[in-house]
Protein backbone atom coordinates (compact mmCIF):
# COMPACT_ATOMS: atom_id res chain seq x y z
CA MET A 1 10.20 21.57 -46.07
CA ALA A 2 11.05 22.44 -42.23
CA ALA A 3 13.66 25.65 -41.97
CA PHE A 4 17.65 23.46 -40.89
CA GLY A 5 20.16 25.29 -39.56
CA ASN A 6 21.64 26.27 -36.64
CA PRO A 7 19.25 24.56 -33.49
CA GLN A 8 18.91 21.33 -35.23
CA LEU A 9 22.81 20.69 -35.53
CA LYS A 10 22.56 22.20 -31.68
CA LEU A 11 20.78 19.57 -30.83
CA LEU A 12 22.68 16.99 -33.11
CA GLU A 13 25.28 18.46 -30.52
CA ARG A 14 23.77 17.43 -27.52
CA LEU A 15 22.33 14.30 -28.32
CA CYS A 16 26.09 13.14 -29.47
CA ASN A 17 27.60 13.77 -26.65
CA ALA A 18 24.85 11.84 -24.60
CA SER A 19 26.46 8.85 -23.49
CA ALA A 20 23.50 5.96 -23.74
CA VAL A 21 25.52 2.90 -24.52
CA SER A 22 22.79 -0.10 -25.17
CA GLY A 23 20.51 -0.83 -22.25
CA ASP A 24 21.37 2.11 -20.56
CA GLU A 25 19.52 5.29 -23.26
CA GLY A 26 18.24 6.89 -20.48
CA GLU A 27 20.02 10.53 -21.23
CA VAL A 28 19.00 10.43 -24.49
CA ARG A 29 16.09 9.60 -23.53
CA ARG A 30 15.16 12.30 -21.48
CA ILE A 31 16.41 14.40 -24.47
CA VAL A 32 14.53 13.67 -27.15
CA LEU A 33 11.32 13.72 -24.08
CA ALA A 34 11.83 16.91 -23.56
CA GLU A 35 12.21 17.91 -26.79
CA ILE A 36 9.03 15.75 -28.13
CA GLU A 37 6.35 17.66 -25.76
CA GLY A 38 3.81 18.61 -26.42
CA LEU A 39 4.37 17.47 -30.16
CA ALA A 40 2.15 14.33 -29.96
CA ASP A 41 -1.33 13.58 -29.70
CA GLU A 42 0.25 10.41 -26.84
CA VAL A 43 3.63 9.67 -25.66
CA LYS A 44 4.53 6.78 -23.67
CA VAL A 45 7.09 4.40 -22.81
CA ASP A 46 7.29 1.13 -23.25
CA ALA A 47 8.79 -1.76 -21.16
CA LEU A 48 11.90 -1.57 -22.31
CA GLY A 49 13.03 2.23 -22.32
CA ASN A 50 11.59 2.65 -25.89
CA VAL A 51 9.42 6.56 -25.78
CA LEU A 52 6.01 5.40 -28.88
CA ALA A 53 5.24 9.55 -29.81
CA THR A 54 1.67 9.33 -32.83
CA LYS A 55 0.98 12.29 -34.10
CA LYS A 56 -2.71 11.86 -35.54
CA GLY A 57 -3.47 13.71 -39.12
CA THR A 58 -7.05 14.62 -40.09
CA GLY A 59 -8.69 13.61 -42.67
CA ARG A 60 -9.79 9.36 -43.44
CA ASN A 61 -7.81 6.87 -44.16
CA ARG A 62 -4.92 7.77 -43.03
CA PRO A 63 -1.88 5.50 -43.31
CA ARG A 64 -0.15 4.35 -40.24
CA VAL A 65 3.29 5.38 -40.72
CA MET A 66 6.19 4.28 -38.21
CA VAL A 67 9.60 6.26 -38.52
CA SER A 68 12.26 4.55 -36.32
CA ALA A 69 15.42 5.50 -35.00
CA HIS A 70 17.73 3.76 -32.07
CA MET A 71 19.34 5.97 -29.24
CA ASP A 72 21.57 4.19 -28.62
CA GLU A 73 25.41 3.27 -29.26
CA VAL A 74 28.30 1.03 -28.51
CA GLY A 75 30.81 0.97 -26.03
CA PHE A 76 30.95 -0.89 -22.76
CA MET A 77 29.47 -2.02 -19.63
CA LEU A 78 32.47 -2.44 -16.59
CA VAL A 79 32.13 -6.59 -15.51
CA ALA A 80 34.81 -6.85 -12.57
CA GLU A 81 36.75 -4.87 -10.67
CA GLU A 82 40.62 -5.34 -9.81
CA GLY A 83 42.04 -2.36 -7.55
CA GLU A 84 43.86 1.02 -7.82
CA GLY A 85 41.21 2.47 -10.87
CA LEU A 86 41.19 -0.93 -12.48
CA TYR A 87 37.92 -2.42 -14.70
CA ARG A 88 37.85 -5.19 -17.22
CA PHE A 89 35.58 -4.49 -19.41
CA GLU A 90 33.22 -6.53 -22.24
CA THR A 91 32.20 -4.32 -25.59
CA VAL A 92 28.65 -3.55 -26.17
CA GLY A 93 28.40 -3.98 -29.56
CA GLY A 94 30.39 -4.56 -33.17
CA ILE A 95 33.44 -2.62 -31.76
CA ASP A 96 36.89 -3.43 -33.15
CA VAL A 97 39.44 -4.21 -30.42
CA ARG A 98 42.13 -3.14 -32.53
CA GLN A 99 40.70 0.29 -32.60
CA LEU A 100 40.72 0.28 -28.09
CA PRO A 101 44.59 0.95 -26.84
CA GLY A 102 44.95 4.38 -25.81
CA LYS A 103 41.04 6.04 -26.58
CA ALA A 104 39.45 8.37 -23.71
CA VAL A 105 35.87 6.82 -22.70
CA LEU A 106 33.24 7.48 -19.77
CA VAL A 107 31.94 6.30 -16.93
CA GLY A 108 29.16 5.94 -15.66
CA LYS A 109 26.40 8.98 -14.84
CA ASP A 110 28.57 11.15 -13.59
CA HIS A 111 31.09 10.47 -16.69
CA LEU A 112 34.14 9.53 -14.64
CA GLN A 113 36.89 9.95 -17.24
CA GLY A 114 39.04 6.94 -18.02
CA VAL A 115 41.49 5.48 -20.02
CA ILE A 116 41.23 1.73 -21.76
CA GLY A 117 44.54 0.89 -21.03
CA ALA A 118 47.38 -1.46 -22.48
CA ARG A 119 51.53 -1.70 -22.30
CA PRO A 120 53.68 0.90 -23.46
CA ILE A 121 54.68 0.10 -26.70
CA HIS A 122 58.59 0.61 -24.46
CA LEU A 123 57.15 -2.64 -22.87
CA THR A 124 56.29 -5.15 -25.31
CA THR A 125 58.34 -7.74 -27.13
CA ALA A 126 58.16 -7.62 -31.53
CA ASP A 127 56.24 -10.31 -31.61
CA GLU A 128 53.45 -9.64 -29.25
CA ARG A 129 53.55 -5.86 -31.33
CA ARG A 130 52.04 -8.02 -34.47
CA ARG A 131 48.83 -9.84 -32.85
CA THR A 132 45.85 -8.08 -31.86
CA ILE A 133 45.76 -7.48 -27.92
CA PRO A 134 43.39 -9.18 -27.03
CA LEU A 135 39.83 -8.17 -24.92
CA ASP A 136 40.49 -9.73 -22.09
CA THR A 137 44.04 -8.07 -20.79
CA LEU A 138 42.76 -4.29 -21.81
CA ARG A 139 41.33 -2.16 -18.35
CA ILE A 140 39.59 1.00 -18.27
CA ASP A 141 41.44 3.01 -16.19
CA LEU A 142 40.12 5.42 -13.98
CA GLY A 143 43.03 6.72 -12.34
CA PRO A 144 44.37 5.48 -8.30
CA GLY A 145 41.12 5.79 -6.21
CA GLY A 146 38.57 5.29 -9.63
CA LYS A 147 35.73 4.72 -8.11
CA ALA A 148 32.57 2.68 -10.28
CA LYS A 149 29.89 0.07 -10.24
CA LEU A 150 29.92 -3.65 -12.14
CA GLY A 151 27.39 -2.91 -14.63
CA GLU A 152 28.21 0.55 -15.86
CA ARG A 153 28.22 1.58 -19.24
CA ALA A 154 31.35 3.49 -20.83
CA THR A 155 31.14 4.87 -24.09
CA PHE A 156 33.92 6.60 -25.63
CA ALA A 157 35.03 10.43 -24.67
CA THR A 158 34.74 11.88 -28.09
CA ARG A 159 33.26 15.35 -28.12
CA PHE A 160 30.57 16.51 -30.96
CA GLN A 161 33.14 19.71 -33.29
CA ARG A 162 31.99 20.68 -37.02
CA ASN A 163 34.27 21.80 -39.28
CA GLY A 164 32.48 23.32 -41.93
CA PRO A 165 31.00 21.39 -43.67
CA VAL A 166 32.19 18.14 -42.24
CA LEU A 167 30.86 16.72 -38.51
CA ILE A 168 33.25 14.88 -36.33
CA ALA A 169 31.55 12.61 -33.26
CA LYS A 170 30.66 9.10 -31.22
CA ALA A 171 27.14 8.06 -31.89
CA LEU A 172 26.48 9.77 -34.92
CA ASP A 173 24.55 6.36 -35.87
CA ASN A 174 22.52 6.52 -34.62
CA ARG A 175 21.81 10.50 -32.88
CA PHE A 176 21.42 11.09 -37.15
CA GLY A 177 18.06 9.91 -37.12
CA VAL A 178 16.54 10.72 -33.21
CA ALA A 179 16.93 14.27 -34.59
CA THR A 180 15.83 13.53 -36.89
CA LEU A 181 12.60 11.85 -35.77
CA ILE A 182 12.11 15.44 -33.28
CA GLU A 183 11.25 16.92 -36.57
CA LEU A 184 9.01 15.36 -38.01
CA LEU A 185 7.37 15.38 -35.07
CA ARG A 186 8.21 19.35 -34.74
CA HIS A 187 6.83 19.04 -38.49
CA ALA A 188 4.40 15.61 -38.61
CA PRO A 189 2.19 16.13 -42.27
CA GLU A 190 -1.65 15.69 -42.04
CA ASN A 191 -2.21 13.31 -43.83
CA ILE A 192 -0.71 10.19 -41.89
CA ASP A 193 -0.37 9.03 -38.73
CA LEU A 194 2.83 9.73 -37.36
CA LEU A 195 4.01 6.54 -35.34
CA ALA A 196 7.92 8.15 -33.84
CA ALA A 197 9.76 5.22 -31.83
CA PHE A 198 12.55 6.08 -30.10
CA THR A 199 14.03 2.57 -29.69
CA VAL A 200 16.43 0.77 -27.12
CA GLN A 201 19.01 -1.96 -28.45
CA GLU A 202 19.70 -1.78 -32.10
CA GLU A 203 22.68 -2.56 -31.32
CA ILE A 204 22.22 -5.36 -29.90
CA GLY A 205 20.25 -7.00 -32.04
CA LEU A 206 17.02 -4.83 -33.18
CA ARG A 207 15.40 -5.84 -29.86
CA GLY A 208 13.53 -2.30 -28.60
CA ALA A 209 11.97 -2.20 -32.40
CA LYS A 210 10.94 -6.04 -32.57
CA VAL A 211 8.15 -4.67 -29.47
CA ALA A 212 7.30 -0.76 -31.07
CA ALA A 213 6.59 -2.53 -34.36
CA HIS A 214 4.95 -4.71 -32.14
CA ALA A 215 2.40 -1.94 -30.25
CA PHE A 216 1.86 0.54 -32.74
CA ASP A 217 0.79 -2.11 -35.86
CA PRO A 218 1.78 0.21 -38.74
CA ASP A 219 0.65 0.14 -41.93
CA LEU A 220 4.52 0.92 -43.42
CA GLY A 221 7.84 1.78 -41.54
CA ILE A 222 10.78 4.12 -42.26
CA ALA A 223 13.92 3.29 -40.28
CA VAL A 224 15.42 5.84 -40.25
CA ASP A 225 19.37 5.43 -39.08
CA SER A 226 23.13 6.83 -40.20
CA THR A 227 25.29 3.56 -42.08
CA PRO A 228 29.05 3.19 -42.39
CA ALA A 229 30.47 5.13 -46.35
CA ASN A 230 32.60 2.12 -48.11
CA ASP A 231 34.42 5.47 -50.45
CA LEU A 232 38.03 5.48 -49.65
CA PRO A 233 39.86 4.73 -52.50
CA SER A 234 41.50 1.78 -52.55
CA HIS A 235 44.49 0.25 -51.36
CA ASP A 236 46.16 -1.06 -54.49
CA GLY A 237 45.72 2.22 -55.74
CA GLU A 238 42.16 1.48 -58.30
CA GLU A 239 38.97 2.69 -57.94
CA ASN A 240 37.07 1.78 -54.88
CA ASN A 241 34.06 -0.16 -56.58
CA ALA A 242 33.31 -2.03 -53.20
CA TYR A 243 31.16 1.32 -51.53
CA ASN A 244 28.17 1.21 -49.95
CA THR A 245 27.12 4.56 -49.76
CA ARG A 246 29.48 8.22 -50.22
CA LEU A 247 29.92 11.01 -48.20
CA GLY A 248 28.99 14.11 -50.26
CA LEU A 249 26.15 12.66 -52.20
CA GLY A 250 23.14 12.69 -50.34
CA PRO A 251 20.63 9.78 -48.51
CA ALA A 252 21.46 6.54 -48.87
CA ILE A 253 18.29 4.74 -49.35
CA TYR A 254 18.02 1.06 -48.62
CA ILE A 255 17.48 -2.16 -51.72
CA ALA A 256 19.12 -5.16 -48.91
CA ASP A 257 21.38 -5.27 -46.37
CA GLY A 258 22.25 -8.07 -43.93
CA SER A 259 18.06 -8.20 -42.60
CA THR A 260 16.39 -6.87 -44.96
CA LEU A 261 14.91 -6.89 -48.57
CA SER A 262 13.41 -2.97 -48.39
CA ASP A 263 9.37 -3.89 -49.77
CA PRO A 264 10.73 -1.71 -53.70
CA ARG A 265 7.46 -0.20 -53.74
CA LEU A 266 8.78 2.26 -51.28
CA VAL A 267 12.12 2.28 -52.63
CA GLN A 268 10.32 3.66 -55.70
CA PHE A 269 7.96 5.60 -54.37
CA LEU A 270 11.11 7.04 -52.36
CA SER A 271 13.64 8.00 -55.35
CA ALA A 272 10.05 9.22 -56.80
CA THR A 273 9.96 11.99 -54.43
CA GLY A 274 14.07 12.74 -54.34
CA ASP A 275 13.76 13.70 -58.03
CA ALA A 276 10.57 15.18 -57.98
CA LEU A 277 10.89 17.59 -55.28
CA GLY A 278 15.21 18.12 -56.47
CA ILE A 279 16.80 16.24 -53.48
CA PRO A 280 19.71 14.23 -53.83
CA TYR A 281 20.10 10.61 -53.09
CA GLN A 282 21.39 7.78 -53.42
CA PHE A 283 21.13 3.95 -53.23
CA ARG A 284 22.65 2.44 -50.42
CA GLN A 285 25.06 -0.75 -52.02
CA PRO A 286 23.54 -4.69 -50.66
CA GLY A 287 24.94 -5.78 -48.03
CA GLY A 288 25.52 -7.36 -44.56
CA GLY A 289 24.42 -5.44 -41.50
CA GLY A 290 21.47 -3.70 -40.79
CA THR A 291 18.99 -1.97 -39.36
CA ASP A 292 15.11 -1.29 -37.50
CA ALA A 293 13.70 -2.22 -40.03
CA GLY A 294 15.34 -6.54 -40.17
CA ALA A 295 12.33 -5.91 -36.83
CA ILE A 296 9.58 -4.38 -37.76
CA HIS A 297 8.99 -5.81 -41.91
CA ARG A 298 8.24 -9.11 -39.10
CA ALA A 299 5.77 -7.84 -36.47
CA ARG A 300 2.06 -8.54 -36.36
CA ALA A 301 1.59 -10.53 -39.65
CA GLY A 302 4.68 -8.65 -42.05
CA VAL A 303 4.84 -4.13 -42.53
CA PRO A 304 6.09 -3.44 -46.03
CA SER A 305 9.85 -1.37 -44.58
CA ILE A 306 12.62 0.24 -46.07
CA SER A 307 15.65 2.43 -44.47
CA VAL A 308 16.37 5.85 -45.43
CA SER A 309 19.94 6.33 -43.35
CA VAL A 310 22.50 8.96 -43.32
CA PRO A 311 26.32 8.24 -44.50
CA HIS A 312 29.27 7.89 -42.16
CA ARG A 313 33.14 6.74 -42.68
CA TYR A 314 34.64 5.45 -39.41
CA ALA A 315 31.38 3.26 -37.81
CA HIS A 316 31.42 1.67 -34.10
CA THR A 317 34.84 3.43 -33.23
CA ALA A 318 35.35 6.86 -31.49
CA ALA A 319 34.66 9.78 -33.94
CA LEU A 320 32.41 9.06 -37.03
CA ILE A 321 32.79 11.71 -39.81
CA SER A 322 29.71 12.60 -41.90
CA ARG A 323 28.65 15.45 -43.47
CA VAL A 324 26.44 18.28 -42.96
CA ASP A 325 23.68 18.08 -46.34
CA ASP A 326 23.81 15.18 -46.00
CA TRP A 327 21.93 15.43 -42.88
CA LYS A 328 19.59 17.40 -44.34
CA ASN A 329 18.26 16.30 -47.17
CA THR A 330 17.79 13.77 -45.52
CA LEU A 331 15.45 15.56 -43.63
CA ALA A 332 14.07 17.21 -46.57
CA LEU A 333 13.19 13.77 -48.18
CA LEU A 334 12.08 11.84 -45.17
CA GLN A 335 9.63 15.08 -45.13
CA GLY A 336 8.73 15.83 -48.33
CA GLY A 337 8.30 11.84 -48.87
CA LEU A 338 5.85 11.94 -45.52
CA ALA A 339 3.94 14.91 -47.27
CA ARG A 340 3.02 12.53 -50.43
CA MET A 341 2.11 9.37 -48.68
CA SER A 342 -1.43 7.27 -48.68
CA ARG A 343 -2.40 4.29 -48.93
CA ASP A 344 -1.89 3.95 -52.43
CA VAL A 345 1.95 4.35 -52.37
CA ILE A 346 1.29 0.23 -50.91
CA ALA A 347 -1.67 -0.20 -51.93
CA GLY A 348 -0.54 -2.97 -55.71
CA SER A 349 1.68 -5.70 -55.72
CA ARG A 350 5.55 -5.83 -54.43
């Protein structure tokens, strides 16, 4: 397996601190293009902004394996200017409006500093405090004289931190996947043609993955993402039996989610790989949500697909928490799986 340490974590830090709200993924795309220069036989940016990199293997009858990770993150779009640095905005992707008041944000390509403002507690009534603040009453405040352009994106201003085994950042969903794909290209196995898709607009409907899968026409697809861990204690003190994944148990192999029923041959193959190589893993419990696999598996005449994710807490908020070892083991499982991959994996019946 490839080495894992400070260089990988520094790359993840740069990716997390970049701003790349859906439809405006340029900052992350530039990092990706710089990092994969010279690593692939072909690299192109398609009409939507996906980065499509192909690394060919050697030998005959190689499977074409698409590995996908989305570059975009949830955030905001400025939609109206009200003067004095105040802007109305809409959310981009799934964001809980209850968590927005008081959050610091960065606006536009110049990373203008602002805050999502709401009336302070001193000026609200008891009845108002019992209700969720409607989105249309919130404003991004750049301060008097602050100036931005309508249509510009804004993202949470949280900076990447490491605290021992713990990582804290915005956009770990899905900079984990982006950093993983870069490492897979660095150490691409020769038994496959590796088709790496750094996709756009996943958070608003898996749009980039749809056209990327059509362009690549792969034999199978693996979506690499980050998934919410619902592993906190239940409110009534009883054991939490409703978790999706748990921090510290390794990569989450999907059986089913809101957009995909994973190919059972790939579920068995990746779990057997983990067992053979001594890599811890867990099965993501079926439920809502989805990954790029939701678009990949329906491309062309159909693509056997699966998702593998790094678990995190507090999805789509200003600060996510994850574990270093969970990412390390996710990368190891994918490297081990790709090195063992052959057409035989999907040759039998589902």
